[in-house]
N, C-alpha and C. Protein backbone atom coordinates (compact mmCIF):
# COMPACT_ATOMS: atom_id res chain seq x y z
N MET A 1 0.85 -1.18 0.00
CA MET A 1 0.00 0.00 0.00
C MET A 1 0.89 1.23 0.00
N GLU A 2 0.65 2.12 -0.96
CA GLU A 2 1.47 3.31 -1.13
C GLU A 2 1.42 4.24 0.08
N ALA A 3 0.30 4.28 0.79
CA ALA A 3 0.17 5.17 1.95
C ALA A 3 1.17 4.78 3.04
N LEU A 4 1.35 3.50 3.26
CA LEU A 4 2.31 3.07 4.28
C LEU A 4 3.72 3.49 3.92
N SER A 5 4.06 3.34 2.67
CA SER A 5 5.37 3.74 2.20
C SER A 5 5.56 5.25 2.36
N ALA A 6 4.52 6.01 2.04
CA ALA A 6 4.61 7.47 2.16
C ALA A 6 4.83 7.90 3.61
N LEU A 7 4.17 7.23 4.53
CA LEU A 7 4.27 7.61 5.95
C LEU A 7 5.51 7.05 6.63
N ALA A 8 6.25 6.18 5.94
CA ALA A 8 7.44 5.57 6.53
C ALA A 8 8.59 6.55 6.65
N GLN A 9 8.51 7.68 5.97
CA GLN A 9 9.59 8.68 6.00
C GLN A 9 9.26 9.73 7.07
N GLU A 10 10.21 10.06 7.91
CA GLU A 10 10.00 10.92 9.08
C GLU A 10 9.37 12.27 8.76
N THR A 11 9.88 12.97 7.75
CA THR A 11 9.34 14.30 7.41
C THR A 11 7.91 14.20 6.89
N ARG A 12 7.64 13.16 6.09
CA ARG A 12 6.27 13.00 5.58
C ARG A 12 5.31 12.67 6.71
N LEU A 13 5.73 11.85 7.65
CA LEU A 13 4.88 11.53 8.79
C LEU A 13 4.60 12.80 9.61
N ALA A 14 5.62 13.61 9.84
CA ALA A 14 5.43 14.86 10.57
C ALA A 14 4.51 15.81 9.81
N THR A 15 4.65 15.85 8.49
CA THR A 15 3.79 16.68 7.66
C THR A 15 2.35 16.22 7.76
N PHE A 16 2.14 14.92 7.65
CA PHE A 16 0.80 14.35 7.75
C PHE A 16 0.18 14.68 9.11
N ARG A 17 0.94 14.52 10.18
CA ARG A 17 0.44 14.83 11.52
C ARG A 17 0.02 16.30 11.61
N LEU A 18 0.87 17.18 11.10
CA LEU A 18 0.57 18.61 11.14
C LEU A 18 -0.74 18.90 10.39
N LEU A 19 -0.93 18.28 9.23
CA LEU A 19 -2.13 18.54 8.44
C LEU A 19 -3.38 17.95 9.08
N VAL A 20 -3.25 16.80 9.72
CA VAL A 20 -4.39 16.23 10.43
C VAL A 20 -4.80 17.15 11.57
N GLU A 21 -3.82 17.63 12.32
CA GLU A 21 -4.10 18.53 13.43
C GLU A 21 -4.70 19.85 12.96
N ALA A 22 -4.31 20.31 11.78
CA ALA A 22 -4.81 21.58 11.25
C ALA A 22 -6.28 21.51 10.87
N GLY A 23 -6.76 20.33 10.55
CA GLY A 23 -8.17 20.18 10.21
C GLY A 23 -8.46 20.50 8.77
N PRO A 24 -9.74 20.59 8.43
CA PRO A 24 -10.16 20.73 7.03
C PRO A 24 -9.75 22.04 6.37
N GLY A 25 -9.44 23.06 7.15
CA GLY A 25 -9.01 24.32 6.56
C GLY A 25 -7.65 24.24 5.89
N GLY A 26 -6.83 23.30 6.36
CA GLY A 26 -5.53 23.09 5.76
C GLY A 26 -4.50 24.13 6.15
N VAL A 27 -3.33 24.01 5.53
CA VAL A 27 -2.19 24.87 5.81
C VAL A 27 -1.47 25.16 4.50
N PRO A 28 -1.08 26.42 4.27
CA PRO A 28 -0.29 26.71 3.07
C PRO A 28 1.02 25.93 3.07
N ALA A 29 1.44 25.50 1.91
CA ALA A 29 2.65 24.69 1.78
C ALA A 29 3.86 25.37 2.42
N GLY A 30 4.01 26.65 2.21
CA GLY A 30 5.14 27.38 2.79
C GLY A 30 5.13 27.35 4.31
N ASP A 31 3.93 27.42 4.91
CA ASP A 31 3.82 27.36 6.37
C ASP A 31 4.19 25.97 6.89
N VAL A 32 3.83 24.93 6.13
CA VAL A 32 4.19 23.57 6.52
C VAL A 32 5.72 23.45 6.52
N ALA A 33 6.34 23.94 5.46
CA ALA A 33 7.80 23.87 5.34
C ALA A 33 8.47 24.61 6.49
N ARG A 34 8.00 25.82 6.80
CA ARG A 34 8.59 26.59 7.90
C ARG A 34 8.39 25.90 9.24
N ALA A 35 7.19 25.37 9.48
CA ALA A 35 6.89 24.72 10.76
C ALA A 35 7.80 23.52 11.00
N LEU A 36 8.16 22.83 9.92
CA LEU A 36 8.98 21.63 10.07
C LEU A 36 10.46 21.87 9.78
N GLY A 37 10.81 23.12 9.43
CA GLY A 37 12.21 23.44 9.16
C GLY A 37 12.77 22.73 7.94
N VAL A 38 11.94 22.63 6.90
CA VAL A 38 12.32 21.92 5.68
C VAL A 38 12.33 22.92 4.52
N PRO A 39 13.32 22.88 3.64
CA PRO A 39 13.31 23.77 2.47
C PRO A 39 12.02 23.56 1.66
N GLN A 40 11.51 24.64 1.07
CA GLN A 40 10.23 24.57 0.37
C GLN A 40 10.25 23.58 -0.80
N ASN A 41 11.35 23.50 -1.54
CA ASN A 41 11.38 22.56 -2.66
C ASN A 41 11.36 21.11 -2.17
N THR A 42 12.00 20.85 -1.04
CA THR A 42 11.97 19.51 -0.45
C THR A 42 10.57 19.19 0.05
N MET A 43 9.93 20.18 0.69
CA MET A 43 8.57 19.98 1.19
C MET A 43 7.62 19.70 0.04
N SER A 44 7.81 20.37 -1.05
CA SER A 44 6.97 20.15 -2.22
C SER A 44 7.03 18.69 -2.67
N THR A 45 8.22 18.13 -2.65
CA THR A 45 8.38 16.72 -3.01
C THR A 45 7.66 15.82 -2.02
N HIS A 46 7.81 16.09 -0.74
CA HIS A 46 7.13 15.29 0.29
C HIS A 46 5.61 15.38 0.15
N LEU A 47 5.11 16.58 -0.09
CA LEU A 47 3.66 16.75 -0.25
C LEU A 47 3.15 16.01 -1.48
N ALA A 48 3.95 15.99 -2.54
CA ALA A 48 3.56 15.27 -3.75
C ALA A 48 3.46 13.77 -3.49
N VAL A 49 4.39 13.24 -2.70
CA VAL A 49 4.35 11.80 -2.36
C VAL A 49 3.09 11.50 -1.54
N LEU A 50 2.79 12.35 -0.57
CA LEU A 50 1.59 12.15 0.25
C LEU A 50 0.32 12.27 -0.59
N ALA A 51 0.32 13.19 -1.54
CA ALA A 51 -0.85 13.35 -2.42
C ALA A 51 -1.04 12.13 -3.31
N ARG A 52 0.04 11.62 -3.88
CA ARG A 52 -0.06 10.40 -4.72
C ARG A 52 -0.58 9.22 -3.91
N ALA A 53 -0.26 9.19 -2.63
CA ALA A 53 -0.71 8.11 -1.76
C ALA A 53 -2.15 8.31 -1.30
N GLY A 54 -2.75 9.44 -1.66
CA GLY A 54 -4.14 9.70 -1.28
C GLY A 54 -4.32 10.19 0.14
N LEU A 55 -3.24 10.66 0.77
CA LEU A 55 -3.31 11.08 2.16
C LEU A 55 -3.47 12.58 2.35
N VAL A 56 -3.16 13.36 1.32
CA VAL A 56 -3.37 14.81 1.39
C VAL A 56 -3.99 15.28 0.07
N ALA A 57 -4.65 16.41 0.17
CA ALA A 57 -5.23 17.05 -1.01
C ALA A 57 -4.85 18.52 -0.96
N SER A 58 -4.90 19.17 -2.11
CA SER A 58 -4.52 20.58 -2.16
C SER A 58 -5.56 21.39 -2.93
N ARG A 59 -5.53 22.68 -2.67
CA ARG A 59 -6.34 23.62 -3.43
C ARG A 59 -5.54 24.91 -3.56
N ARG A 60 -5.75 25.61 -4.61
CA ARG A 60 -5.04 26.87 -4.83
C ARG A 60 -5.91 28.01 -4.33
N GLU A 61 -5.31 28.90 -3.56
CA GLU A 61 -5.95 30.14 -3.10
C GLU A 61 -5.00 31.27 -3.45
N SER A 62 -5.35 32.00 -4.48
CA SER A 62 -4.50 33.08 -4.96
C SER A 62 -3.14 32.50 -5.34
N ARG A 63 -2.08 32.94 -4.67
CA ARG A 63 -0.74 32.46 -5.00
C ARG A 63 -0.30 31.30 -4.10
N SER A 64 -1.15 30.92 -3.16
CA SER A 64 -0.79 29.86 -2.22
C SER A 64 -1.45 28.54 -2.60
N VAL A 65 -0.77 27.46 -2.25
CA VAL A 65 -1.36 26.13 -2.35
C VAL A 65 -1.59 25.65 -0.92
N ILE A 66 -2.84 25.35 -0.62
CA ILE A 66 -3.24 24.95 0.72
C ILE A 66 -3.38 23.43 0.73
N TYR A 67 -2.75 22.78 1.68
CA TYR A 67 -2.82 21.33 1.82
C TYR A 67 -3.63 20.97 3.05
N ARG A 68 -4.37 19.88 2.95
CA ARG A 68 -5.13 19.34 4.07
C ARG A 68 -5.04 17.83 4.04
N ALA A 69 -5.25 17.21 5.19
CA ALA A 69 -5.29 15.75 5.24
C ALA A 69 -6.53 15.28 4.50
N GLU A 70 -6.39 14.23 3.73
CA GLU A 70 -7.50 13.65 2.96
C GLU A 70 -8.07 12.52 3.81
N MET A 71 -9.18 12.82 4.51
CA MET A 71 -9.71 11.86 5.48
C MET A 71 -10.20 10.57 4.84
N GLU A 72 -10.67 10.60 3.62
CA GLU A 72 -11.06 9.35 2.97
C GLU A 72 -9.83 8.46 2.76
N GLY A 73 -8.70 9.06 2.46
CA GLY A 73 -7.46 8.30 2.34
C GLY A 73 -7.03 7.71 3.67
N VAL A 74 -7.23 8.46 4.74
CA VAL A 74 -6.91 7.97 6.09
C VAL A 74 -7.82 6.79 6.42
N ARG A 75 -9.10 6.96 6.10
CA ARG A 75 -10.06 5.88 6.35
C ARG A 75 -9.67 4.62 5.57
N ALA A 76 -9.27 4.80 4.32
CA ALA A 76 -8.86 3.65 3.49
C ALA A 76 -7.64 2.96 4.09
N LEU A 77 -6.68 3.75 4.57
CA LEU A 77 -5.47 3.18 5.18
C LEU A 77 -5.82 2.38 6.42
N ILE A 78 -6.62 2.97 7.29
CA ILE A 78 -7.01 2.26 8.51
C ILE A 78 -7.81 1.01 8.15
N GLY A 79 -8.69 1.15 7.18
CA GLY A 79 -9.47 -0.01 6.74
C GLY A 79 -8.57 -1.12 6.22
N PHE A 80 -7.58 -0.76 5.43
CA PHE A 80 -6.62 -1.75 4.92
C PHE A 80 -5.93 -2.47 6.07
N LEU A 81 -5.45 -1.70 7.04
CA LEU A 81 -4.76 -2.31 8.17
C LEU A 81 -5.67 -3.25 8.95
N LEU A 82 -6.89 -2.82 9.18
CA LEU A 82 -7.82 -3.66 9.93
C LEU A 82 -8.19 -4.91 9.15
N ARG A 83 -8.45 -4.76 7.85
CA ARG A 83 -8.80 -5.93 7.05
C ARG A 83 -7.63 -6.91 6.99
N ASP A 84 -6.43 -6.38 6.84
CA ASP A 84 -5.26 -7.23 6.78
C ASP A 84 -5.09 -7.99 8.09
N CYS A 85 -5.27 -7.30 9.19
CA CYS A 85 -5.13 -7.94 10.50
C CYS A 85 -6.26 -8.93 10.78
N CYS A 86 -7.44 -8.68 10.22
CA CYS A 86 -8.59 -9.56 10.46
C CYS A 86 -8.60 -10.76 9.54
N ARG A 87 -7.70 -10.81 8.58
CA ARG A 87 -7.53 -11.97 7.70
C ARG A 87 -8.83 -12.43 7.06
N GLY A 88 -9.53 -11.48 6.42
CA GLY A 88 -10.72 -11.86 5.68
C GLY A 88 -11.96 -12.05 6.52
N ARG A 89 -11.95 -11.60 7.75
CA ARG A 89 -13.12 -11.70 8.61
C ARG A 89 -13.66 -10.30 8.87
N PRO A 90 -14.35 -9.70 7.86
CA PRO A 90 -14.80 -8.31 7.98
C PRO A 90 -15.73 -8.07 9.15
N GLU A 91 -16.44 -9.08 9.59
CA GLU A 91 -17.35 -8.90 10.73
C GLU A 91 -16.58 -8.55 12.01
N VAL A 92 -15.32 -8.94 12.06
CA VAL A 92 -14.48 -8.62 13.21
C VAL A 92 -14.01 -7.17 13.12
N CYS A 93 -13.66 -6.73 11.92
CA CYS A 93 -13.05 -5.41 11.74
C CYS A 93 -14.05 -4.27 11.60
N ALA A 94 -15.20 -4.52 11.02
CA ALA A 94 -16.14 -3.45 10.71
C ALA A 94 -16.50 -2.60 11.93
N PRO A 95 -16.86 -3.19 13.07
CA PRO A 95 -17.20 -2.36 14.23
C PRO A 95 -16.03 -1.49 14.70
N LEU A 96 -14.83 -2.04 14.63
CA LEU A 96 -13.66 -1.28 15.05
C LEU A 96 -13.40 -0.12 14.10
N LEU A 97 -13.51 -0.37 12.80
CA LEU A 97 -13.31 0.70 11.82
C LEU A 97 -14.33 1.81 12.02
N ASP A 98 -15.59 1.46 12.23
CA ASP A 98 -16.62 2.47 12.45
C ASP A 98 -16.39 3.25 13.74
N ALA A 99 -15.82 2.60 14.75
CA ALA A 99 -15.51 3.29 16.00
C ALA A 99 -14.34 4.25 15.83
N VAL A 100 -13.36 3.86 15.02
CA VAL A 100 -12.18 4.70 14.83
C VAL A 100 -12.51 5.90 13.95
N ILE A 101 -13.14 5.65 12.81
CA ILE A 101 -13.52 6.72 11.89
C ILE A 101 -14.94 6.44 11.44
N PRO A 102 -15.93 7.05 12.10
CA PRO A 102 -17.32 6.79 11.72
C PRO A 102 -17.60 7.15 10.28
N ALA A 103 -18.49 6.41 9.66
CA ALA A 103 -18.86 6.65 8.27
C ALA A 103 -19.40 8.06 8.07
N THR A 104 -19.99 8.65 9.11
CA THR A 104 -20.51 10.01 8.98
C THR A 104 -19.40 11.03 8.80
N CYS A 105 -18.20 10.68 9.26
CA CYS A 105 -17.04 11.56 9.06
C CYS A 105 -16.60 11.53 7.62
N CYS A 106 -16.45 10.34 7.10
CA CYS A 106 -15.83 10.15 5.78
C CYS A 106 -16.56 9.03 5.05
N PRO A 107 -17.72 9.30 4.53
CA PRO A 107 -18.47 8.21 3.91
C PRO A 107 -17.70 7.59 2.75
N ALA A 108 -17.85 6.29 2.64
CA ALA A 108 -17.22 5.59 1.52
C ALA A 108 -17.88 6.02 0.23
N PRO A 109 -17.13 6.02 -0.88
CA PRO A 109 -17.72 6.41 -2.15
C PRO A 109 -18.87 5.47 -2.50
N GLU A 110 -19.88 6.04 -3.15
CA GLU A 110 -21.02 5.23 -3.58
C GLU A 110 -20.58 4.25 -4.65
N ARG A 111 -21.16 3.08 -4.59
CA ARG A 111 -20.85 2.05 -5.59
C ARG A 111 -21.90 2.10 -6.66
N ARG A 112 -21.45 1.96 -7.90
CA ARG A 112 -22.37 1.95 -9.03
C ARG A 112 -22.83 0.53 -9.28
N ALA A 113 -24.10 0.41 -9.64
CA ALA A 113 -24.63 -0.91 -9.98
C ALA A 113 -24.04 -1.36 -11.30
N SER A 114 -23.72 -2.65 -11.38
CA SER A 114 -23.12 -3.18 -12.61
C SER A 114 -24.18 -3.62 -13.57
């Protein structure tokens, strides 16, 4: 899972924590870099890795790029971990997943009928 790989690096994990704590309003990329003492070009690379992993999202506001934690990506990561640990027994994991991140927080995408 790409998300685990993305979070395995210390600066990316610190970035992710900062964005989760910041909430849905997010933080400008430059502020993230300053808060963590990382050069802006290096931070840009870290944010791109987290975005590819589905853990952060961005939006442009004027000249700034604002990043926020992507809670659906967090839910997917936690779900993956729980399913993997439950070894194909979703009835064991489902209540725990709902307790950790309720569906009302981050509803799963709707499935289309085939």
